[in-house]
Amino acid sequence: MADFTSPPPGNKPGKIAPTIPLAKADKERQELYGPLVEGLAAGESDPLPKPASEPVDESPQPPEPTEELPSEEDRQVFLASVLGHKAYEKEYVLFGAVKVLFRDRTPREVELIQSVVNQLPEMSDVELAIQEERFVLAAQLARLAQPSEVKPYEPVTVDTLRNRADDLLSFPKPMYQALLDSCREFDRHVSQLTRHALDKDFWPAGTANLPSSRTAPAPSTSPASAAATHTGR
């Protein structure tokens, strides 16, 4: 019969862990659970000690950038355009010599641009966004005046929009990029003015003299009159 009381040959008997004195165990338990028990008895919802919070940086912080508001003249012209039922226009000077006039789009022109974009062949979202921005530029570029040339633009239709967009592709790359950048800036400018529509303190004094009650004239069927209306002249 096998002897299970003796360890196998070559093996040493295992050592029994030393006994922890009862007083020491009670002290360790008291240090570990004491704050929890006392906190629960006091009715605290979270009696466990909080970790030390990181030091707060109290050094002076740079001031947040403030919004640069449109000039008094821009506000006056914008308000007169809106109340007078005209498209808002603003001129920019590129490269110190080339004057460009941007004109805000009407809801009809927005729909027209979307209609033309929807007819484009299938392409990636990035390519589609590039094409749409080119059509927006073509619609909003009301006039391009170089030092020795003034080139008027016709009213926006499907055909003129496509022709303008095609013409833009023949521009030098720096000029085309400058036109895109200034067109984006114009859109931001119009959006900023529109955001303050409900802020009566934003608009210049004397708005009572603006044509707020003037009825928009009936559109003329003559091409010359339509072109003048489109350019705001």
Protein backbone atom coordinates (compact mmCIF):
# COMPACT_ATOMS: atom_id res chain seq x y z
CA MET A 1 0.00 0.00 0.00
CA ALA A 2 1.32 3.41 -0.97
CA ASP A 3 2.50 5.72 1.74
CA PHE A 4 0.84 9.14 1.12
CA THR A 5 2.20 10.64 4.32
CA SER A 6 5.74 10.89 3.03
CA PRO A 7 6.82 13.20 0.17
CA PRO A 8 8.00 11.56 -3.02
CA PRO A 9 11.70 10.97 -3.31
CA GLY A 10 13.60 14.10 -4.34
CA ASN A 11 10.79 16.52 -3.30
CA LYS A 12 10.89 18.71 -0.25
CA PRO A 13 7.79 19.28 1.85
CA GLY A 14 6.09 22.64 1.24
CA LYS A 15 6.47 25.41 3.75
CA ILE A 16 3.47 26.76 5.61
CA ALA A 17 3.07 30.57 5.48
CA PRO A 18 3.91 32.24 8.75
CA THR A 19 0.97 33.06 10.94
CA ILE A 20 0.04 36.79 11.06
CA PRO A 21 -0.65 37.93 14.60
CA LEU A 22 -4.34 38.70 15.11
CA ALA A 23 -3.60 42.14 16.46
CA LYS A 24 -1.61 43.08 13.35
CA ALA A 25 -4.34 41.75 11.02
CA ASP A 26 -6.99 43.76 12.88
CA LYS A 27 -4.86 46.90 12.57
CA GLU A 28 -4.39 46.42 8.82
CA ARG A 29 -8.12 45.85 8.30
CA GLN A 30 -8.90 48.93 10.37
CA GLU A 31 -6.55 51.07 8.24
CA LEU A 32 -8.04 49.69 5.01
CA TYR A 33 -11.76 49.66 5.81
CA GLY A 34 -11.98 52.15 8.64
CA PRO A 35 -12.52 55.29 6.47
CA LEU A 36 -15.12 53.47 4.38
CA VAL A 37 -17.12 52.34 7.44
CA GLU A 38 -16.91 55.76 9.08
CA GLY A 39 -17.97 57.49 5.85
CA LEU A 40 -20.96 55.21 5.37
CA ALA A 41 -21.99 55.74 8.97
CA ALA A 42 -21.84 59.51 8.39
CA GLY A 43 -24.12 59.19 5.36
CA GLU A 44 -21.56 60.11 2.73
CA SER A 45 -22.45 58.92 -0.80
CA ASP A 46 -18.81 58.48 -1.79
CA PRO A 47 -16.75 57.98 1.36
CA LEU A 48 -13.61 56.77 -0.37
CA PRO A 49 -10.80 59.31 -0.32
CA LYS A 50 -10.51 61.37 -3.50
CA PRO A 51 -7.27 61.25 -5.43
CA ALA A 52 -5.26 64.39 -5.26
CA SER A 53 -6.35 66.75 -8.03
CA GLU A 54 -3.82 68.10 -10.46
CA PRO A 55 -2.67 71.63 -9.78
CA VAL A 56 -4.69 74.30 -11.56
CA ASP A 57 -2.76 76.45 -13.99
CA GLU A 58 -3.40 79.98 -12.75
CA SER A 59 -0.98 81.65 -15.13
CA PRO A 60 -2.49 84.39 -17.34
CA GLN A 61 -4.13 82.93 -20.42
CA PRO A 62 -4.09 84.71 -23.80
CA PRO A 63 -7.41 86.41 -24.54
CA GLU A 64 -9.77 84.64 -26.90
CA PRO A 65 -9.79 86.13 -30.39
CA THR A 66 -12.69 88.50 -30.87
CA GLU A 67 -14.85 88.52 -33.97
CA GLU A 68 -13.83 91.18 -36.44
CA LEU A 69 -17.08 92.86 -37.37
CA PRO A 70 -17.86 94.23 -40.83
CA SER A 71 -17.26 97.93 -41.31
CA GLU A 72 -19.99 100.52 -40.86
CA GLU A 73 -20.05 101.07 -44.62
CA ASP A 74 -20.47 97.35 -45.34
CA ARG A 75 -23.36 97.12 -42.89
CA GLN A 76 -25.04 100.14 -44.45
CA VAL A 77 -24.68 98.80 -48.00
CA PHE A 78 -25.81 95.31 -46.99
CA LEU A 79 -28.88 96.62 -45.19
CA ALA A 80 -29.79 98.89 -48.09
CA SER A 81 -29.44 95.96 -50.51
CA VAL A 82 -31.63 93.65 -48.44
CA LEU A 83 -34.35 96.22 -47.78
CA GLY A 84 -34.19 97.43 -51.37
CA HIS A 85 -34.62 93.90 -52.77
CA LYS A 86 -31.22 93.93 -54.48
CA ALA A 87 -28.39 91.43 -54.44
CA TYR A 88 -25.59 92.49 -52.12
CA GLU A 89 -22.27 93.22 -53.85
CA LYS A 90 -18.75 93.78 -52.59
CA GLU A 91 -15.54 94.55 -54.46
CA TYR A 92 -12.13 93.02 -53.76
CA VAL A 93 -8.74 93.93 -55.20
CA LEU A 94 -6.45 91.03 -56.13
CA PHE A 95 -2.70 91.34 -56.61
CA GLY A 96 -2.99 95.06 -55.98
CA ALA A 97 -4.46 95.75 -59.43
CA VAL A 98 -7.30 93.40 -60.42
CA LYS A 99 -10.74 94.46 -59.19
CA VAL A 100 -13.39 91.78 -58.83
CA LEU A 101 -17.01 92.31 -57.86
CA PHE A 102 -18.87 89.51 -56.13
CA ARG A 103 -22.63 89.35 -56.00
CA ASP A 104 -24.67 87.30 -53.56
CA ARG A 105 -26.76 84.50 -55.04
CA THR A 106 -30.54 84.51 -55.15
CA PRO A 107 -32.50 81.40 -54.06
CA ARG A 108 -33.26 80.78 -57.73
CA GLU A 109 -29.55 80.81 -58.58
CA VAL A 110 -28.83 78.42 -55.72
CA GLU A 111 -31.37 75.97 -57.17
CA LEU A 112 -30.00 76.51 -60.66
CA ILE A 113 -26.46 75.67 -59.53
CA GLN A 114 -27.69 72.55 -57.76
CA SER A 115 -29.60 71.51 -60.89
CA VAL A 116 -26.48 71.87 -63.06
CA VAL A 117 -24.34 69.99 -60.53
CA ASN A 118 -26.87 67.15 -60.36
CA GLN A 119 -26.50 66.67 -64.13
CA LEU A 120 -22.75 66.09 -63.90
CA PRO A 121 -21.46 62.55 -64.54
CA GLU A 122 -20.86 60.33 -61.54
CA MET A 123 -17.72 61.27 -59.60
CA SER A 124 -16.32 61.20 -56.08
CA ASP A 125 -17.63 63.54 -53.38
CA VAL A 126 -14.37 65.50 -53.44
CA GLU A 127 -14.51 66.01 -57.20
CA LEU A 128 -18.19 66.95 -56.96
CA ALA A 129 -17.42 69.57 -54.30
CA ILE A 130 -14.68 71.06 -56.50
CA GLN A 131 -17.05 71.29 -59.46
CA GLU A 132 -19.82 72.83 -57.35
CA GLU A 133 -17.46 75.48 -55.98
CA ARG A 134 -16.47 76.39 -59.53
CA PHE A 135 -20.13 76.90 -60.48
CA VAL A 136 -20.67 79.01 -57.35
CA LEU A 137 -17.73 81.19 -58.33
CA ALA A 138 -19.09 81.48 -61.86
CA ALA A 139 -22.47 82.62 -60.50
CA GLN A 140 -21.12 85.12 -57.96
CA LEU A 141 -18.37 86.71 -60.03
CA ALA A 142 -20.36 89.70 -61.26
CA ARG A 143 -17.50 91.65 -62.75
CA LEU A 144 -13.79 91.18 -63.37
CA ALA A 145 -11.88 94.38 -64.17
CA GLN A 146 -8.21 94.19 -65.06
CA PRO A 147 -6.10 97.36 -65.43
CA SER A 148 -6.88 97.71 -69.14
CA GLU A 149 -10.08 95.66 -69.41
CA VAL A 150 -13.58 95.65 -67.98
CA LYS A 151 -15.47 92.43 -68.67
CA PRO A 152 -19.18 92.52 -67.76
CA TYR A 153 -21.03 89.32 -67.01
CA GLU A 154 -24.48 88.42 -68.28
CA PRO A 155 -27.38 87.34 -66.08
CA VAL A 156 -27.11 83.81 -64.72
CA THR A 157 -28.86 81.13 -66.74
CA VAL A 158 -28.02 77.48 -67.25
CA ASP A 159 -26.08 78.26 -70.41
CA THR A 160 -24.24 81.32 -69.07
CA LEU A 161 -23.41 79.45 -65.86
CA ARG A 162 -21.83 76.60 -67.80
CA ASN A 163 -20.01 79.01 -70.12
CA ARG A 164 -18.63 81.02 -67.21
CA ALA A 165 -17.54 77.89 -65.40
CA ASP A 166 -15.74 76.72 -68.54
CA ASP A 167 -14.09 80.14 -68.98
CA LEU A 168 -12.71 79.95 -65.46
CA LEU A 169 -10.73 76.84 -66.40
CA SER A 170 -8.64 78.92 -68.81
CA PHE A 171 -7.56 81.37 -66.09
CA PRO A 172 -3.97 81.18 -64.78
CA LYS A 173 -3.86 79.02 -61.69
CA PRO A 174 -2.87 81.85 -59.29
CA MET A 175 -5.75 84.02 -60.54
CA TYR A 176 -8.23 81.14 -60.32
CA GLN A 177 -7.11 80.29 -56.78
CA ALA A 178 -7.27 83.96 -55.75
CA LEU A 179 -10.80 84.19 -57.13
CA LEU A 180 -11.84 81.08 -55.21
CA ASP A 181 -10.33 82.38 -51.98
CA SER A 182 -11.94 85.80 -52.32
CA CYS A 183 -15.27 84.18 -53.20
CA ARG A 184 -15.09 82.10 -50.01
CA GLU A 185 -14.25 85.23 -48.06
CA PHE A 186 -17.25 86.98 -49.59
CA ASP A 187 -19.52 84.09 -48.56
CA ARG A 188 -18.18 84.26 -44.99
CA HIS A 189 -18.73 88.02 -45.02
CA VAL A 190 -22.36 87.65 -46.12
CA SER A 191 -22.97 84.88 -43.56
CA GLN A 192 -21.55 87.03 -40.78
CA LEU A 193 -23.80 89.94 -41.71
CA THR A 194 -26.83 87.64 -41.93
CA ARG A 195 -26.15 86.14 -38.48
CA HIS A 196 -26.75 89.58 -36.96
CA ALA A 197 -30.15 90.05 -38.59
CA LEU A 198 -31.93 90.04 -35.21
CA ASP A 199 -29.38 92.26 -33.47
CA LYS A 200 -30.79 95.78 -33.76
CA ASP A 201 -27.68 97.28 -32.14
CA PHE A 202 -25.48 95.81 -34.88
CA TRP A 203 -26.91 97.93 -37.66
CA PRO A 204 -26.07 101.60 -38.20
CA ALA A 205 -28.37 104.36 -37.06
CA GLY A 206 -30.69 106.04 -39.51
CA THR A 207 -32.25 102.86 -40.91
CA ALA A 208 -35.59 104.66 -41.06
CA ASN A 209 -34.32 106.48 -44.14
CA LEU A 210 -33.55 103.26 -45.99
CA PRO A 211 -36.02 101.97 -48.59
CA SER A 212 -37.54 99.40 -46.24
CA SER A 213 -41.07 99.82 -47.57
CA ARG A 214 -40.19 100.18 -51.22
CA THR A 215 -41.82 97.60 -53.44
CA ALA A 216 -39.51 95.80 -55.81
CA PRO A 217 -40.25 96.87 -59.40
CA ALA A 218 -41.70 94.32 -61.78
CA PRO A 219 -38.94 92.61 -63.76
CA SER A 220 -38.48 93.94 -67.28
CA THR A 221 -38.42 91.64 -70.25
CA SER A 222 -35.77 93.65 -72.10
CA PRO A 223 -32.24 92.11 -72.09
CA ALA A 224 -30.61 95.45 -71.28
CA SER A 225 -32.81 96.00 -68.24
CA ALA A 226 -32.27 92.44 -67.03
CA ALA A 227 -28.50 92.83 -67.29
CA ALA A 228 -28.60 96.08 -65.32
CA THR A 229 -30.70 94.45 -62.62
CA HIS A 230 -28.30 91.49 -62.38
CA THR A 231 -25.24 93.66 -61.80
CA GLY A 232 -27.05 95.91 -59.35
CA ARG A 233 -26.63 99.01 -61.52
